[in-house]
All heavy atoms as atom14 arrays in JSON, in Angstrom:
{
  "sequence": "AQKFVNGLKMDLEKSPGQYWVKTDNFYLGLGSIESGVLKSDIGFS",
  "atom14_mask": [
    [1, 1, 1, 1, 1, 0, 0, 0, 0, 0, 0, 0, 0, 0],
    [1, 1, 1, 1, 1, 1, 1, 1, 1, 0, 0, 0, 0, 0],
    [1, 1, 1, 1, 1, 1, 1, 1, 1, 0, 0, 0, 0, 0],
    [1, 1, 1, 1, 1, 1, 1, 1, 1, 1, 1, 0, 0, 0],
    [1, 1, 1, 1, 1, 1, 1, 0, 0, 0, 0, 0, 0, 0],
    [1, 1, 1, 1, 1, 1, 1, 1, 0, 0, 0, 0, 0, 0],
    [1, 1, 1, 1, 0, 0, 0, 0, 0, 0, 0, 0, 0, 0],
    [1, 1, 1, 1, 1, 1, 1, 1, 0, 0, 0, 0, 0, 0],
    [1, 1, 1, 1, 1, 1, 1, 1, 1, 0, 0, 0, 0, 0],
    [1, 1, 1, 1, 1, 1, 1, 1, 0, 0, 0, 0, 0, 0],
    [1, 1, 1, 1, 1, 1, 1, 1, 0, 0, 0, 0, 0, 0],
    [1, 1, 1, 1, 1, 1, 1, 1, 0, 0, 0, 0, 0, 0],
    [1, 1, 1, 1, 1, 1, 1, 1, 1, 0, 0, 0, 0, 0],
    [1, 1, 1, 1, 1, 1, 1, 1, 1, 0, 0, 0, 0, 0],
    [1, 1, 1, 1, 1, 1, 0, 0, 0, 0, 0, 0, 0, 0],
    [1, 1, 1, 1, 1, 1, 1, 0, 0, 0, 0, 0, 0, 0],
    [1, 1, 1, 1, 0, 0, 0, 0, 0, 0, 0, 0, 0, 0],
    [1, 1, 1, 1, 1, 1, 1, 1, 1, 0, 0, 0, 0, 0],
    [1, 1, 1, 1, 1, 1, 1, 1, 1, 1, 1, 1, 0, 0],
    [1, 1, 1, 1, 1, 1, 1, 1, 1, 1, 1, 1, 1, 1],
    [1, 1, 1, 1, 1, 1, 1, 0, 0, 0, 0, 0, 0, 0],
    [1, 1, 1, 1, 1, 1, 1, 1, 1, 0, 0, 0, 0, 0],
    [1, 1, 1, 1, 1, 1, 1, 0, 0, 0, 0, 0, 0, 0],
    [1, 1, 1, 1, 1, 1, 1, 1, 0, 0, 0, 0, 0, 0],
    [1, 1, 1, 1, 1, 1, 1, 1, 0, 0, 0, 0, 0, 0],
    [1, 1, 1, 1, 1, 1, 1, 1, 1, 1, 1, 0, 0, 0],
    [1, 1, 1, 1, 1, 1, 1, 1, 1, 1, 1, 1, 0, 0],
    [1, 1, 1, 1, 1, 1, 1, 1, 0, 0, 0, 0, 0, 0],
    [1, 1, 1, 1, 0, 0, 0, 0, 0, 0, 0, 0, 0, 0],
    [1, 1, 1, 1, 1, 1, 1, 1, 0, 0, 0, 0, 0, 0],
    [1, 1, 1, 1, 0, 0, 0, 0, 0, 0, 0, 0, 0, 0],
    [1, 1, 1, 1, 1, 1, 0, 0, 0, 0, 0, 0, 0, 0],
    [1, 1, 1, 1, 1, 1, 1, 1, 0, 0, 0, 0, 0, 0],
    [1, 1, 1, 1, 1, 1, 1, 1, 1, 0, 0, 0, 0, 0],
    [1, 1, 1, 1, 1, 1, 0, 0, 0, 0, 0, 0, 0, 0],
    [1, 1, 1, 1, 0, 0, 0, 0, 0, 0, 0, 0, 0, 0],
    [1, 1, 1, 1, 1, 1, 1, 0, 0, 0, 0, 0, 0, 0],
    [1, 1, 1, 1, 1, 1, 1, 1, 0, 0, 0, 0, 0, 0],
    [1, 1, 1, 1, 1, 1, 1, 1, 1, 0, 0, 0, 0, 0],
    [1, 1, 1, 1, 1, 1, 0, 0, 0, 0, 0, 0, 0, 0],
    [1, 1, 1, 1, 1, 1, 1, 1, 0, 0, 0, 0, 0, 0],
    [1, 1, 1, 1, 1, 1, 1, 1, 0, 0, 0, 0, 0, 0],
    [1, 1, 1, 1, 0, 0, 0, 0, 0, 0, 0, 0, 0, 0],
    [1, 1, 1, 1, 1, 1, 1, 1, 1, 1, 1, 0, 0, 0],
    [1, 1, 1, 1, 1, 1, 0, 0, 0, 0, 0, 0, 0, 0]
  ],
  "atom14_positions": [
    [[42.84, 42.14, 124.03], [43.91, 42.86, 123.33], [45.21, 42.05, 123.32], [45.91, 41.98, 122.32], [44.14, 44.23, 123.97], [0.0, 0.0, 0.0], [0.0, 0.0, 0.0], [0.0, 0.0, 0.0], [0.0, 0.0, 0.0], [0.0, 0.0, 0.0], [0.0, 0.0, 0.0], [0.0, 0.0, 0.0], [0.0, 0.0, 0.0], [0.0, 0.0, 0.0]],
    [[45.51, 41.41, 124.46], [46.71, 40.58, 124.52], [46.6, 39.4, 123.56], [47.57, 39.02, 122.9], [46.92, 40.09, 125.95], [47.34, 41.2, 126.91], [47.74, 40.66, 128.26], [48.32, 39.6, 128.37], [47.41, 41.4, 129.31], [0.0, 0.0, 0.0], [0.0, 0.0, 0.0], [0.0, 0.0, 0.0], [0.0, 0.0, 0.0], [0.0, 0.0, 0.0]],
    [[45.41, 38.82, 123.44], [45.21, 37.72, 122.5], [45.41, 38.2, 121.06], [46.03, 37.5, 120.24], [43.81, 37.13, 122.66], [43.6, 36.37, 123.96], [42.19, 35.79, 124.02], [41.98, 35.0, 125.3], [40.61, 34.41, 125.38], [0.0, 0.0, 0.0], [0.0, 0.0, 0.0], [0.0, 0.0, 0.0], [0.0, 0.0, 0.0], [0.0, 0.0, 0.0]],
    [[44.88, 39.39, 120.75], [45.04, 39.93, 119.4], [46.51, 40.14, 119.06], [46.98, 39.77, 117.98], [44.27, 41.25, 119.28], [44.38, 41.89, 117.92], [43.54, 41.52, 116.89], [45.34, 42.86, 117.67], [43.64, 42.1, 115.63], [45.46, 43.46, 116.42], [44.6, 43.07, 115.4], [0.0, 0.0, 0.0], [0.0, 0.0, 0.0], [0.0, 0.0, 0.0]],
    [[47.25, 40.75, 119.98], [48.67, 41.01, 119.76], [49.45, 39.7, 119.58], [50.41, 39.64, 118.82], [49.25, 41.83, 120.93], [50.77, 41.91, 120.85], [48.66, 43.24, 120.92], [0.0, 0.0, 0.0], [0.0, 0.0, 0.0], [0.0, 0.0, 0.0], [0.0, 0.0, 0.0], [0.0, 0.0, 0.0], [0.0, 0.0, 0.0], [0.0, 0.0, 0.0]],
    [[49.0, 38.65, 120.24], [49.67, 37.35, 120.12], [49.21, 36.55, 118.9], [49.63, 35.41, 118.7], [49.43, 36.52, 121.38], [50.16, 37.09, 122.59], [51.21, 37.72, 122.46], [49.58, 36.9, 123.77], [0.0, 0.0, 0.0], [0.0, 0.0, 0.0], [0.0, 0.0, 0.0], [0.0, 0.0, 0.0], [0.0, 0.0, 0.0], [0.0, 0.0, 0.0]],
    [[48.33, 37.17, 118.09], [47.9, 36.53, 116.84], [46.8, 35.52, 116.99], [46.55, 34.72, 116.07], [0.0, 0.0, 0.0], [0.0, 0.0, 0.0], [0.0, 0.0, 0.0], [0.0, 0.0, 0.0], [0.0, 0.0, 0.0], [0.0, 0.0, 0.0], [0.0, 0.0, 0.0], [0.0, 0.0, 0.0], [0.0, 0.0, 0.0], [0.0, 0.0, 0.0]],
    [[46.09, 35.52, 118.13], [45.03, 34.54, 118.36], [43.7, 35.06, 117.81], [43.39, 36.24, 117.89], [44.89, 34.27, 119.86], [46.13, 33.7, 120.55], [45.87, 33.55, 122.05], [46.52, 32.36, 119.94], [0.0, 0.0, 0.0], [0.0, 0.0, 0.0], [0.0, 0.0, 0.0], [0.0, 0.0, 0.0], [0.0, 0.0, 0.0], [0.0, 0.0, 0.0]],
    [[42.9, 34.15, 117.28], [41.57, 34.49, 116.8], [40.6, 34.5, 117.99], [40.83, 33.82, 118.99], [41.09, 33.5, 115.75], [41.91, 33.51, 114.47], [41.37, 32.51, 113.46], [42.18, 32.51, 112.18], [41.65, 31.53, 111.19], [0.0, 0.0, 0.0], [0.0, 0.0, 0.0], [0.0, 0.0, 0.0], [0.0, 0.0, 0.0], [0.0, 0.0, 0.0]],
    [[39.51, 35.26, 117.83], [38.53, 35.32, 118.91], [37.15, 35.61, 118.34], [37.02, 36.28, 117.31], [38.93, 36.39, 119.93], [38.95, 37.81, 119.37], [39.86, 38.96, 120.43], [41.55, 38.55, 119.96], [0.0, 0.0, 0.0], [0.0, 0.0, 0.0], [0.0, 0.0, 0.0], [0.0, 0.0, 0.0], [0.0, 0.0, 0.0], [0.0, 0.0, 0.0]],
    [[36.12, 35.09, 119.02], [34.74, 35.36, 118.6], [34.38, 36.79, 118.96], [34.67, 37.27, 120.06], [33.79, 34.39, 119.31], [34.0, 32.95, 118.87], [34.46, 32.75, 117.73], [33.72, 32.04, 119.68], [0.0, 0.0, 0.0], [0.0, 0.0, 0.0], [0.0, 0.0, 0.0], [0.0, 0.0, 0.0], [0.0, 0.0, 0.0], [0.0, 0.0, 0.0]],
    [[33.73, 37.47, 118.0], [33.34, 38.86, 118.23], [32.16, 39.18, 117.33], [32.24, 39.03, 116.1], [34.51, 39.81, 117.94], [34.42, 41.21, 118.55], [34.48, 41.14, 120.08], [35.56, 42.08, 118.04], [0.0, 0.0, 0.0], [0.0, 0.0, 0.0], [0.0, 0.0, 0.0], [0.0, 0.0, 0.0], [0.0, 0.0, 0.0], [0.0, 0.0, 0.0]],
    [[31.06, 39.59, 117.93], [29.87, 39.93, 117.16], [30.02, 41.32, 116.58], [29.89, 42.33, 117.27], [28.62, 39.83, 118.04], [28.27, 38.42, 118.44], [26.94, 38.34, 119.16], [26.21, 39.36, 119.15], [26.61, 37.28, 119.71], [0.0, 0.0, 0.0], [0.0, 0.0, 0.0], [0.0, 0.0, 0.0], [0.0, 0.0, 0.0], [0.0, 0.0, 0.0]],
    [[30.32, 41.38, 115.3], [30.55, 42.65, 114.61], [30.37, 42.4, 113.12], [30.56, 41.28, 112.64], [31.96, 43.15, 114.9], [32.21, 44.61, 114.58], [31.76, 45.53, 115.7], [32.2, 46.96, 115.42], [31.68, 47.91, 116.43], [0.0, 0.0, 0.0], [0.0, 0.0, 0.0], [0.0, 0.0, 0.0], [0.0, 0.0, 0.0], [0.0, 0.0, 0.0]],
    [[30.01, 43.43, 112.4], [29.82, 43.28, 110.95], [31.13, 42.88, 110.29], [32.21, 43.33, 110.7], [29.33, 44.6, 110.34], [28.09, 44.98, 110.9], [0.0, 0.0, 0.0], [0.0, 0.0, 0.0], [0.0, 0.0, 0.0], [0.0, 0.0, 0.0], [0.0, 0.0, 0.0], [0.0, 0.0, 0.0], [0.0, 0.0, 0.0], [0.0, 0.0, 0.0]],
    [[31.07, 42.04, 109.24], [32.28, 41.64, 108.53], [33.01, 42.85, 107.95], [32.39, 43.84, 107.55], [31.75, 40.74, 107.41], [30.41, 40.26, 107.9], [29.86, 41.41, 108.68], [0.0, 0.0, 0.0], [0.0, 0.0, 0.0], [0.0, 0.0, 0.0], [0.0, 0.0, 0.0], [0.0, 0.0, 0.0], [0.0, 0.0, 0.0], [0.0, 0.0, 0.0]],
    [[34.32, 42.79, 107.92], [35.12, 43.89, 107.37], [36.43, 44.03, 108.1], [36.77, 43.23, 108.98], [0.0, 0.0, 0.0], [0.0, 0.0, 0.0], [0.0, 0.0, 0.0], [0.0, 0.0, 0.0], [0.0, 0.0, 0.0], [0.0, 0.0, 0.0], [0.0, 0.0, 0.0], [0.0, 0.0, 0.0], [0.0, 0.0, 0.0], [0.0, 0.0, 0.0]],
    [[37.16, 45.05, 107.72], [38.47, 45.31, 108.33], [38.38, 46.5, 109.27], [37.72, 47.5, 108.97], [39.52, 45.55, 107.25], [40.95, 45.58, 107.79], [41.99, 45.69, 106.68], [41.99, 46.67, 105.95], [42.84, 44.68, 106.55], [0.0, 0.0, 0.0], [0.0, 0.0, 0.0], [0.0, 0.0, 0.0], [0.0, 0.0, 0.0], [0.0, 0.0, 0.0]],
    [[39.07, 46.42, 110.4], [38.99, 47.43, 111.44], [40.38, 47.75, 112.01], [41.29, 46.9, 111.97], [38.12, 46.94, 112.61], [36.7, 46.64, 112.29], [36.33, 45.43, 111.7], [35.69, 47.55, 112.58], [35.0, 45.13, 111.42], [34.36, 47.27, 112.31], [34.02, 46.06, 111.73], [32.7, 45.78, 111.45], [0.0, 0.0, 0.0], [0.0, 0.0, 0.0]],
    [[40.5, 48.96, 112.55], [41.61, 49.24, 113.45], [41.25, 48.65, 114.8], [40.11, 48.8, 115.27], [41.85, 50.74, 113.61], [42.57, 51.36, 112.45], [42.1, 52.32, 111.61], [43.9, 51.07, 112.01], [43.04, 52.65, 110.68], [44.16, 51.89, 110.89], [44.89, 50.19, 112.45], [45.37, 51.86, 110.21], [46.1, 50.15, 111.77], [46.33, 50.98, 110.67]],
    [[42.2, 47.97, 115.41], [41.97, 47.37, 116.72], [42.79, 48.12, 117.75], [43.99, 48.37, 117.56], [42.35, 45.87, 116.71], [42.14, 45.26, 118.07], [41.53, 45.13, 115.66], [0.0, 0.0, 0.0], [0.0, 0.0, 0.0], [0.0, 0.0, 0.0], [0.0, 0.0, 0.0], [0.0, 0.0, 0.0], [0.0, 0.0, 0.0], [0.0, 0.0, 0.0]],
    [[42.15, 48.49, 118.86], [42.85, 49.24, 119.91], [42.35, 48.8, 121.28], [41.34, 48.1, 121.41], [42.63, 50.75, 119.72], [41.21, 51.22, 119.89], [41.04, 52.69, 119.53], [41.65, 53.63, 120.55], [40.88, 53.68, 121.82], [0.0, 0.0, 0.0], [0.0, 0.0, 0.0], [0.0, 0.0, 0.0], [0.0, 0.0, 0.0], [0.0, 0.0, 0.0]],
    [[43.07, 49.21, 122.3], [42.64, 49.04, 123.68], [43.0, 50.3, 124.43], [44.14, 50.78, 124.35], [43.29, 47.81, 124.33], [42.78, 47.66, 125.65], [44.8, 47.91, 124.37], [0.0, 0.0, 0.0], [0.0, 0.0, 0.0], [0.0, 0.0, 0.0], [0.0, 0.0, 0.0], [0.0, 0.0, 0.0], [0.0, 0.0, 0.0], [0.0, 0.0, 0.0]],
    [[42.04, 50.86, 125.11], [42.24, 52.17, 125.75], [42.74, 53.16, 124.69], [42.07, 53.37, 123.7], [43.21, 52.06, 126.93], [42.64, 51.2, 128.04], [41.4, 51.23, 128.23], [43.41, 50.5, 128.73], [0.0, 0.0, 0.0], [0.0, 0.0, 0.0], [0.0, 0.0, 0.0], [0.0, 0.0, 0.0], [0.0, 0.0, 0.0], [0.0, 0.0, 0.0]],
    [[43.93, 53.73, 124.89], [44.47, 54.7, 123.93], [45.54, 54.09, 123.03], [46.23, 54.81, 122.31], [45.06, 55.9, 124.67], [44.0, 56.71, 125.39], [42.9, 56.9, 124.86], [44.31, 57.16, 126.59], [0.0, 0.0, 0.0], [0.0, 0.0, 0.0], [0.0, 0.0, 0.0], [0.0, 0.0, 0.0], [0.0, 0.0, 0.0], [0.0, 0.0, 0.0]],
    [[45.68, 52.78, 123.04], [46.76, 52.12, 122.3], [46.22, 51.38, 121.07], [45.37, 50.49, 121.21], [47.53, 51.16, 123.2], [48.11, 51.8, 124.42], [47.56, 51.57, 125.67], [49.19, 52.65, 124.32], [48.08, 52.16, 126.8], [49.73, 53.27, 125.45], [49.17, 53.03, 126.7], [0.0, 0.0, 0.0], [0.0, 0.0, 0.0], [0.0, 0.0, 0.0]],
    [[46.7, 51.76, 119.9], [46.36, 51.04, 118.67], [47.25, 49.82, 118.54], [48.46, 49.88, 118.8], [46.51, 51.96, 117.46], [45.35, 52.9, 117.27], [45.25, 54.06, 118.04], [44.35, 52.63, 116.34], [44.16, 54.92, 117.89], [43.27, 53.49, 116.18], [43.18, 54.64, 116.96], [42.12, 55.49, 116.81], [0.0, 0.0, 0.0], [0.0, 0.0, 0.0]],
    [[46.65, 48.71, 118.11], [47.36, 47.43, 118.07], [47.62, 46.94, 116.64], [48.53, 46.14, 116.42], [46.56, 46.36, 118.82], [46.05, 46.75, 120.21], [45.18, 45.64, 120.77], [47.21, 47.06, 121.14], [0.0, 0.0, 0.0], [0.0, 0.0, 0.0], [0.0, 0.0, 0.0], [0.0, 0.0, 0.0], [0.0, 0.0, 0.0], [0.0, 0.0, 0.0]],
    [[46.83, 47.39, 115.68], [47.01, 46.95, 114.3], [45.69, 46.82, 113.57], [44.64, 47.26, 114.05], [0.0, 0.0, 0.0], [0.0, 0.0, 0.0], [0.0, 0.0, 0.0], [0.0, 0.0, 0.0], [0.0, 0.0, 0.0], [0.0, 0.0, 0.0], [0.0, 0.0, 0.0], [0.0, 0.0, 0.0], [0.0, 0.0, 0.0], [0.0, 0.0, 0.0]],
    [[45.75, 46.2, 112.4], [44.55, 45.96, 111.59], [44.06, 44.53, 111.79], [44.85, 43.58, 111.8], [44.87, 46.14, 110.1], [44.87, 47.55, 109.52], [45.27, 47.51, 108.05], [43.5, 48.22, 109.67], [0.0, 0.0, 0.0], [0.0, 0.0, 0.0], [0.0, 0.0, 0.0], [0.0, 0.0, 0.0], [0.0, 0.0, 0.0], [0.0, 0.0, 0.0]],
    [[42.74, 44.41, 111.93], [42.14, 43.09, 112.05], [40.92, 42.97, 111.17], [40.32, 43.99, 110.79], [0.0, 0.0, 0.0], [0.0, 0.0, 0.0], [0.0, 0.0, 0.0], [0.0, 0.0, 0.0], [0.0, 0.0, 0.0], [0.0, 0.0, 0.0], [0.0, 0.0, 0.0], [0.0, 0.0, 0.0], [0.0, 0.0, 0.0], [0.0, 0.0, 0.0]],
    [[40.54, 41.75, 110.85], [39.35, 41.51, 110.02], [38.39, 40.59, 110.74], [38.81, 39.68, 111.47], [39.75, 40.88, 108.68], [40.43, 41.81, 107.88], [0.0, 0.0, 0.0], [0.0, 0.0, 0.0], [0.0, 0.0, 0.0], [0.0, 0.0, 0.0], [0.0, 0.0, 0.0], [0.0, 0.0, 0.0], [0.0, 0.0, 0.0], [0.0, 0.0, 0.0]],
    [[37.1, 40.83, 110.5], [36.06, 39.97, 111.06], [35.37, 39.23, 109.92], [34.91, 39.84, 108.96], [35.03, 40.78, 111.87], [35.68, 41.28, 113.16], [33.81, 39.93, 112.18], [34.73, 42.02, 114.08], [0.0, 0.0, 0.0], [0.0, 0.0, 0.0], [0.0, 0.0, 0.0], [0.0, 0.0, 0.0], [0.0, 0.0, 0.0], [0.0, 0.0, 0.0]],
    [[35.36, 37.92, 110.03], [34.66, 37.05, 109.09], [33.89, 36.01, 109.88], [34.46, 35.36, 110.76], [35.64, 36.37, 108.13], [36.39, 37.31, 107.21], [37.37, 36.57, 106.31], [37.3, 35.32, 106.29], [38.19, 37.23, 105.65], [0.0, 0.0, 0.0], [0.0, 0.0, 0.0], [0.0, 0.0, 0.0], [0.0, 0.0, 0.0], [0.0, 0.0, 0.0]],
    [[32.6, 35.9, 109.59], [31.74, 34.91, 110.28], [31.83, 35.03, 111.79], [31.9, 34.02, 112.52], [32.11, 33.48, 109.84], [32.02, 33.35, 108.44], [0.0, 0.0, 0.0], [0.0, 0.0, 0.0], [0.0, 0.0, 0.0], [0.0, 0.0, 0.0], [0.0, 0.0, 0.0], [0.0, 0.0, 0.0], [0.0, 0.0, 0.0], [0.0, 0.0, 0.0]],
    [[31.88, 36.27, 112.29], [31.89, 36.48, 113.72], [33.2, 36.2, 114.41], [33.25, 36.08, 115.65], [0.0, 0.0, 0.0], [0.0, 0.0, 0.0], [0.0, 0.0, 0.0], [0.0, 0.0, 0.0], [0.0, 0.0, 0.0], [0.0, 0.0, 0.0], [0.0, 0.0, 0.0], [0.0, 0.0, 0.0], [0.0, 0.0, 0.0], [0.0, 0.0, 0.0]],
    [[34.28, 36.09, 113.64], [35.61, 35.8, 114.21], [36.58, 36.92, 113.84], [36.7, 37.27, 112.66], [36.16, 34.44, 113.71], [37.57, 34.21, 114.24], [35.24, 33.31, 114.15], [0.0, 0.0, 0.0], [0.0, 0.0, 0.0], [0.0, 0.0, 0.0], [0.0, 0.0, 0.0], [0.0, 0.0, 0.0], [0.0, 0.0, 0.0], [0.0, 0.0, 0.0]],
    [[37.26, 37.45, 114.84], [38.27, 38.5, 114.62], [39.65, 37.86, 114.53], [40.05, 37.08, 115.4], [38.25, 39.51, 115.77], [39.39, 40.54, 115.79], [39.3, 41.48, 114.59], [39.37, 41.33, 117.1], [0.0, 0.0, 0.0], [0.0, 0.0, 0.0], [0.0, 0.0, 0.0], [0.0, 0.0, 0.0], [0.0, 0.0, 0.0], [0.0, 0.0, 0.0]],
    [[40.37, 38.2, 113.47], [41.75, 37.74, 113.32], [42.64, 38.93, 113.0], [42.19, 39.94, 112.47], [41.88, 36.69, 112.21], [41.63, 37.2, 110.82], [41.84, 36.1, 109.79], [41.66, 36.64, 108.37], [42.73, 37.59, 108.0], [0.0, 0.0, 0.0], [0.0, 0.0, 0.0], [0.0, 0.0, 0.0], [0.0, 0.0, 0.0], [0.0, 0.0, 0.0]],
    [[43.9, 38.82, 113.32], [44.86, 39.89, 113.06], [45.33, 39.85, 111.61], [45.72, 38.79, 111.12], [46.06, 39.74, 114.0], [47.06, 40.68, 113.68], [0.0, 0.0, 0.0], [0.0, 0.0, 0.0], [0.0, 0.0, 0.0], [0.0, 0.0, 0.0], [0.0, 0.0, 0.0], [0.0, 0.0, 0.0], [0.0, 0.0, 0.0], [0.0, 0.0, 0.0]],
    [[45.26, 40.98, 110.91], [45.81, 41.09, 109.55], [47.27, 41.56, 109.61], [48.16, 40.91, 109.09], [44.99, 42.07, 108.71], [43.61, 41.54, 108.39], [43.44, 40.31, 108.39], [42.71, 42.35, 108.15], [0.0, 0.0, 0.0], [0.0, 0.0, 0.0], [0.0, 0.0, 0.0], [0.0, 0.0, 0.0], [0.0, 0.0, 0.0], [0.0, 0.0, 0.0]],
    [[47.47, 42.69, 110.26], [48.82, 43.21, 110.46], [48.87, 43.85, 111.85], [48.18, 44.85, 112.11], [49.22, 44.28, 109.42], [49.05, 43.75, 108.0], [50.66, 44.73, 109.64], [49.41, 44.76, 106.93], [0.0, 0.0, 0.0], [0.0, 0.0, 0.0], [0.0, 0.0, 0.0], [0.0, 0.0, 0.0], [0.0, 0.0, 0.0], [0.0, 0.0, 0.0]],
    [[49.66, 43.27, 112.74], [49.81, 43.84, 114.06], [51.03, 44.74, 114.11], [51.98, 44.58, 113.34], [0.0, 0.0, 0.0], [0.0, 0.0, 0.0], [0.0, 0.0, 0.0], [0.0, 0.0, 0.0], [0.0, 0.0, 0.0], [0.0, 0.0, 0.0], [0.0, 0.0, 0.0], [0.0, 0.0, 0.0], [0.0, 0.0, 0.0], [0.0, 0.0, 0.0]],
    [[51.0, 45.72, 114.99], [52.16, 46.59, 115.15], [53.27, 45.83, 115.85], [53.03, 45.06, 116.78], [51.78, 47.83, 115.97], [50.79, 48.74, 115.27], [50.04, 49.66, 115.99], [50.61, 48.68, 113.9], [49.14, 50.5, 115.36], [49.71, 49.52, 113.25], [48.96, 50.42, 114.0], [0.0, 0.0, 0.0], [0.0, 0.0, 0.0], [0.0, 0.0, 0.0]],
    [[54.5, 46.07, 115.42], [55.65, 45.38, 116.02], [56.09, 46.1, 117.29], [55.7, 47.25, 117.56], [56.79, 45.33, 115.02], [57.14, 46.63, 114.6], [0.0, 0.0, 0.0], [0.0, 0.0, 0.0], [0.0, 0.0, 0.0], [0.0, 0.0, 0.0], [0.0, 0.0, 0.0], [0.0, 0.0, 0.0], [0.0, 0.0, 0.0], [0.0, 0.0, 0.0]]
  ]
}
């Protein structure tokens, strides 16, 4: 979650598409998965 908030990409086995990204009860923003890599589209400020 800290990596996502800092804008870092990470490997993640998940179907391609756009997702809400959260940790525990905290939503962090929108991210997309392409070719097994999660990147941040729009993170919450």
